[in-house]
Amino acid sequence: MLQWLKSFQRREQGLPEILRLFGQMLDDGRHAFDAAANCLLGGTDPEVIREDLWGTDKRINRTQQQIRRMVVTHGTVCQEDFATCLLIMSLVKDAERIGDYSKNIFDVANLGISVPKSLLSDMVRLKDTTSLMLVKCKNIFETQDKDAARDFCSEAGGLMNHCENQVTAFLIEEEGGGSLVASALAYRYFKRILGHAQNILTSLLVPLDQVDFFEDQNPPGEVAPNGS
């Protein structure tokens, strides 16, 4: 898969533009996440960011549609790139879902329920780390650094485990009411954003048929020693 992507970058006929647009989707996804997470954890008035967040999400969707059109056109002309075109279709869906889950975080913030003080420092740390991970995801994809992709997937897996453990703890907690429910939802959405970023970089490590099923091949938080 890595060699396909490298050749994909070098070719003409719109392929570099497709990859540029994909990078733009990742930038917009990170922006949406930052805005929504800061609203939830930093006390920003939801109305202050609502228009920007929804506008960013619409831009992500438009870019996804544009990439789909370009991929279909290119795949029709250059049939030898069919497998790579399928891969790009899968990756843009992951990038689009980052924006969707960011809106879900905003929806939690819009409920007006504060995160418990006992969880605030952990969630702020997770928010800051996730934001940096989204930047790192784009950079690693652009440089096609296989070792860095493996490290990223391992780190993302560990953070996703932490989110899932927190959700499980809330489900068995007898006290806390709405604040714990809101926190559980936020942790779950953070986990899914990390998961979609991880999916994007598994394209550097596994064959096309295994993209999106990386955790089936590797226990959470672990990465196979050899990608393909």
Protein backbone atom coordinates (compact mmCIF):
# COMPACT_ATOMS: atom_id res chain seq x y z
CA MET A 1 0.00 0.00 0.00
CA LEU A 2 2.85 2.40 0.80
CA GLN A 3 4.40 2.02 -2.67
CA TRP A 4 1.02 2.63 -4.33
CA LEU A 5 0.63 5.84 -2.41
CA LYS A 6 4.13 7.01 -3.26
CA SER A 7 3.53 6.43 -6.97
CA PHE A 8 0.10 8.05 -6.57
CA GLN A 9 1.78 11.25 -5.35
CA ARG A 10 4.21 11.42 -8.26
CA ARG A 11 1.69 11.11 -11.07
CA GLU A 12 -0.02 13.89 -12.93
CA GLN A 13 -3.67 14.26 -14.03
CA GLY A 14 -5.12 15.60 -10.83
CA LEU A 15 -3.72 13.13 -8.31
CA PRO A 16 -1.56 15.68 -6.46
CA GLU A 17 -4.65 17.89 -6.21
CA ILE A 18 -6.64 15.03 -4.69
CA LEU A 19 -3.98 14.58 -2.00
CA ARG A 20 -3.89 18.34 -1.38
CA LEU A 21 -7.64 18.40 -0.88
CA PHE A 22 -7.38 15.42 1.46
CA GLY A 23 -4.85 17.36 3.55
CA GLN A 24 -7.30 20.26 3.63
CA MET A 25 -9.98 17.91 4.99
CA LEU A 26 -7.63 16.89 7.81
CA ASP A 27 -6.86 20.53 8.62
CA ASP A 28 -10.56 21.35 8.73
CA GLY A 29 -11.26 18.32 10.89
CA ARG A 30 -8.67 19.43 13.40
CA HIS A 31 -10.11 22.95 13.41
CA ALA A 32 -13.61 21.58 14.06
CA PHE A 33 -12.32 19.37 16.86
CA ASP A 34 -10.44 22.22 18.54
CA ALA A 35 -13.47 24.51 18.40
CA ALA A 36 -15.89 21.91 19.76
CA ALA A 37 -13.58 20.55 22.45
CA ASN A 38 -12.67 24.03 23.67
CA CYS A 39 -16.38 24.81 23.87
CA LEU A 40 -16.96 21.73 26.02
CA LEU A 41 -13.94 22.11 28.27
CA GLY A 42 -13.08 25.79 28.14
CA GLY A 43 -16.47 27.38 28.68
CA THR A 44 -16.80 28.98 25.25
CA ASP A 45 -20.37 30.05 24.49
CA PRO A 46 -21.66 27.53 21.91
CA GLU A 47 -23.28 30.31 19.92
CA VAL A 48 -19.88 31.93 19.41
CA ILE A 49 -18.55 28.97 17.43
CA ARG A 50 -21.74 27.45 16.00
CA GLU A 51 -21.62 29.19 12.63
CA ASP A 52 -17.90 28.54 12.16
CA LEU A 53 -18.23 24.89 13.16
CA TRP A 54 -21.16 24.21 10.84
CA GLY A 55 -19.44 26.09 8.03
CA THR A 56 -16.29 24.01 8.51
CA ASP A 57 -18.33 20.80 8.47
CA LYS A 58 -20.02 21.83 5.23
CA ARG A 59 -16.61 22.59 3.70
CA ILE A 60 -15.38 19.13 4.73
CA ASN A 61 -18.41 17.56 3.06
CA ARG A 62 -17.97 19.60 -0.12
CA THR A 63 -14.30 18.63 -0.29
CA GLN A 64 -15.16 14.99 0.18
CA GLN A 65 -17.64 15.19 -2.69
CA GLN A 66 -15.08 16.95 -4.87
CA ILE A 67 -12.48 14.27 -4.17
CA ARG A 68 -15.01 11.55 -4.98
CA ARG A 69 -15.74 13.15 -8.36
CA MET A 70 -12.05 13.51 -9.13
CA VAL A 71 -11.29 9.93 -8.10
CA VAL A 72 -14.10 8.57 -10.27
CA THR A 73 -12.85 10.60 -13.23
CA HIS A 74 -9.25 9.53 -12.72
CA GLY A 75 -10.17 5.88 -12.14
CA THR A 76 -12.13 5.81 -15.38
CA VAL A 77 -9.13 7.10 -17.36
CA CYS A 78 -6.35 5.31 -15.48
CA GLN A 79 -7.70 1.89 -14.60
CA GLU A 80 -4.31 0.74 -13.27
CA ASP A 81 -4.93 3.04 -10.29
CA PHE A 82 -8.24 1.37 -9.41
CA ALA A 83 -7.04 -0.05 -6.06
CA THR A 84 -5.54 3.26 -5.00
CA CYS A 85 -8.76 5.06 -5.91
CA LEU A 86 -10.68 2.66 -3.67
CA LEU A 87 -8.24 3.42 -0.86
CA ILE A 88 -8.67 7.18 -1.22
CA MET A 89 -12.47 6.75 -1.13
CA SER A 90 -12.08 4.95 2.21
CA LEU A 91 -9.66 7.50 3.67
CA VAL A 92 -11.79 10.55 2.84
CA LYS A 93 -14.66 8.93 4.73
CA ASP A 94 -12.45 8.69 7.81
CA ALA A 95 -11.50 12.35 7.43
CA GLU A 96 -15.17 13.32 7.05
CA ARG A 97 -16.14 11.43 10.21
CA ILE A 98 -13.66 13.46 12.27
CA GLY A 99 -15.76 16.51 11.47
CA ASP A 100 -18.98 14.67 12.32
CA TYR A 101 -17.74 13.56 15.73
CA SER A 102 -16.54 17.08 16.43
CA LYS A 103 -20.13 18.23 15.91
CA ASN A 104 -21.20 15.55 18.36
CA ILE A 105 -18.81 17.01 20.95
CA PHE A 106 -20.37 20.39 20.31
CA ASP A 107 -23.82 18.89 20.88
CA VAL A 108 -22.68 17.69 24.31
CA ALA A 109 -21.35 21.17 25.11
CA ASN A 110 -24.61 22.69 23.95
CA LEU A 111 -26.48 20.72 26.63
CA GLY A 112 -25.01 23.11 29.17
CA ILE A 113 -23.81 20.28 31.43
CA SER A 114 -20.33 20.85 32.84
CA VAL A 115 -17.67 18.16 32.93
CA PRO A 116 -17.02 17.16 36.56
CA LYS A 117 -13.98 18.87 38.08
CA SER A 118 -12.50 15.47 38.88
CA LEU A 119 -12.33 14.71 35.14
CA LEU A 120 -11.49 18.13 33.75
CA SER A 121 -7.70 17.88 33.86
CA ASP A 122 -7.73 14.44 32.21
CA MET A 123 -10.08 15.57 29.45
CA VAL A 124 -8.10 18.74 28.79
CA ARG A 125 -4.94 16.65 28.50
CA LEU A 126 -6.72 14.28 26.13
CA LYS A 127 -8.10 17.18 24.10
CA ASP A 128 -4.64 18.74 23.70
CA THR A 129 -3.07 15.42 22.79
CA THR A 130 -5.78 14.60 20.26
CA SER A 131 -5.38 17.98 18.58
CA LEU A 132 -1.64 17.38 18.20
CA MET A 133 -2.31 13.86 16.95
CA LEU A 134 -4.51 15.22 14.18
CA VAL A 135 -1.68 17.50 13.04
CA LYS A 136 0.73 14.58 13.25
CA CYS A 137 -1.65 12.39 11.23
CA LYS A 138 -1.59 14.80 8.31
CA ASN A 139 2.19 15.23 8.43
CA ILE A 140 2.86 11.49 8.55
CA PHE A 141 0.47 10.81 5.69
CA GLU A 142 2.12 13.48 3.56
CA THR A 143 5.66 12.22 4.25
CA GLN A 144 4.62 8.53 4.01
CA ASP A 145 6.78 7.76 7.06
CA LYS A 146 5.99 4.13 7.81
CA ASP A 147 7.80 4.00 11.17
CA ALA A 148 6.07 7.18 12.33
CA ALA A 149 2.72 5.73 11.22
CA ARG A 150 3.36 2.62 13.32
CA ASP A 151 4.22 4.76 16.37
CA PHE A 152 1.13 6.89 15.79
CA CYS A 153 -1.17 3.87 15.64
CA SER A 154 0.30 2.53 18.87
CA GLU A 155 -0.14 5.87 20.65
CA ALA A 156 -3.66 6.33 19.30
CA GLY A 157 -4.56 2.82 20.41
CA GLY A 158 -3.44 3.57 23.94
CA LEU A 159 -5.47 6.77 24.08
CA MET A 160 -8.52 4.99 22.68
CA ASN A 161 -8.18 2.34 25.39
CA HIS A 162 -8.13 5.09 28.00
CA CYS A 163 -11.32 6.60 26.57
CA GLU A 164 -13.07 3.24 26.56
CA ASN A 165 -11.99 2.51 30.15
CA GLN A 166 -13.43 5.85 31.25
CA VAL A 167 -16.73 5.14 29.51
CA THR A 168 -16.92 1.72 31.16
CA ALA A 169 -16.26 3.27 34.57
CA PHE A 170 -19.10 5.75 34.07
CA LEU A 171 -21.52 3.00 33.12
CA ILE A 172 -21.06 1.31 36.49
CA GLU A 173 -20.92 4.57 38.48
CA GLU A 174 -24.02 4.98 40.64
CA GLU A 175 -23.67 8.72 41.17
CA GLY A 176 -22.95 11.64 38.89
CA GLY A 177 -26.12 11.91 36.82
CA GLY A 178 -26.02 13.97 33.67
CA SER A 179 -22.46 15.19 34.11
CA LEU A 180 -21.09 11.65 33.89
CA VAL A 181 -23.30 10.86 30.91
CA ALA A 182 -22.01 13.95 29.11
CA SER A 183 -18.44 13.02 29.99
CA ALA A 184 -18.94 9.47 28.75
CA LEU A 185 -20.25 10.76 25.44
CA ALA A 186 -17.30 13.13 25.08
CA TYR A 187 -14.77 10.38 25.78
CA ARG A 188 -16.48 8.16 23.22
CA TYR A 189 -16.34 10.89 20.58
CA PHE A 190 -12.67 11.62 21.36
CA LYS A 191 -12.03 7.90 20.92
CA ARG A 192 -13.74 7.77 17.53
CA ILE A 193 -11.86 10.83 16.25
CA LEU A 194 -8.59 9.16 17.22
CA GLY A 195 -9.82 5.95 15.60
CA HIS A 196 -10.50 7.62 12.26
CA ALA A 197 -7.09 9.32 12.33
CA GLN A 198 -5.58 5.90 13.06
CA ASN A 199 -7.50 4.36 10.14
CA ILE A 200 -5.98 6.93 7.78
CA LEU A 201 -2.44 5.90 8.71
CA THR A 202 -3.10 2.16 8.69
CA SER A 203 -3.23 2.63 4.92
CA LEU A 204 0.58 2.85 5.16
CA LEU A 205 0.83 -0.41 7.11
CA VAL A 206 -1.70 -2.93 5.79
CA PRO A 207 -3.16 -4.07 2.44
CA LEU A 208 -6.26 -2.36 1.08
CA ASP A 209 -8.64 -5.11 2.23
CA GLN A 210 -7.50 -4.67 5.87
CA VAL A 211 -7.90 -0.88 6.04
CA ASP A 212 -10.55 -0.07 8.70
CA PHE A 213 -10.00 -3.49 10.30
CA PHE A 214 -6.58 -2.82 11.82
CA GLU A 215 -7.65 -3.69 15.37
CA ASP A 216 -8.83 -7.11 14.16
CA GLN A 217 -5.22 -7.86 13.28
CA ASN A 218 -3.62 -6.19 16.32
CA PRO A 219 -4.76 -5.94 19.96
CA PRO A 220 -5.68 -2.34 21.00
CA GLY A 221 -2.59 -0.27 21.60
CA GLU A 222 -0.31 -2.68 19.70
CA VAL A 223 0.95 -2.46 16.14
CA ALA A 224 2.10 -5.26 13.91
CA PRO A 225 5.91 -5.31 13.57
CA ASN A 226 5.76 -5.40 9.79
CA GLY A 227 3.35 -3.43 7.61
CA SER A 228 2.65 -4.23 3.97
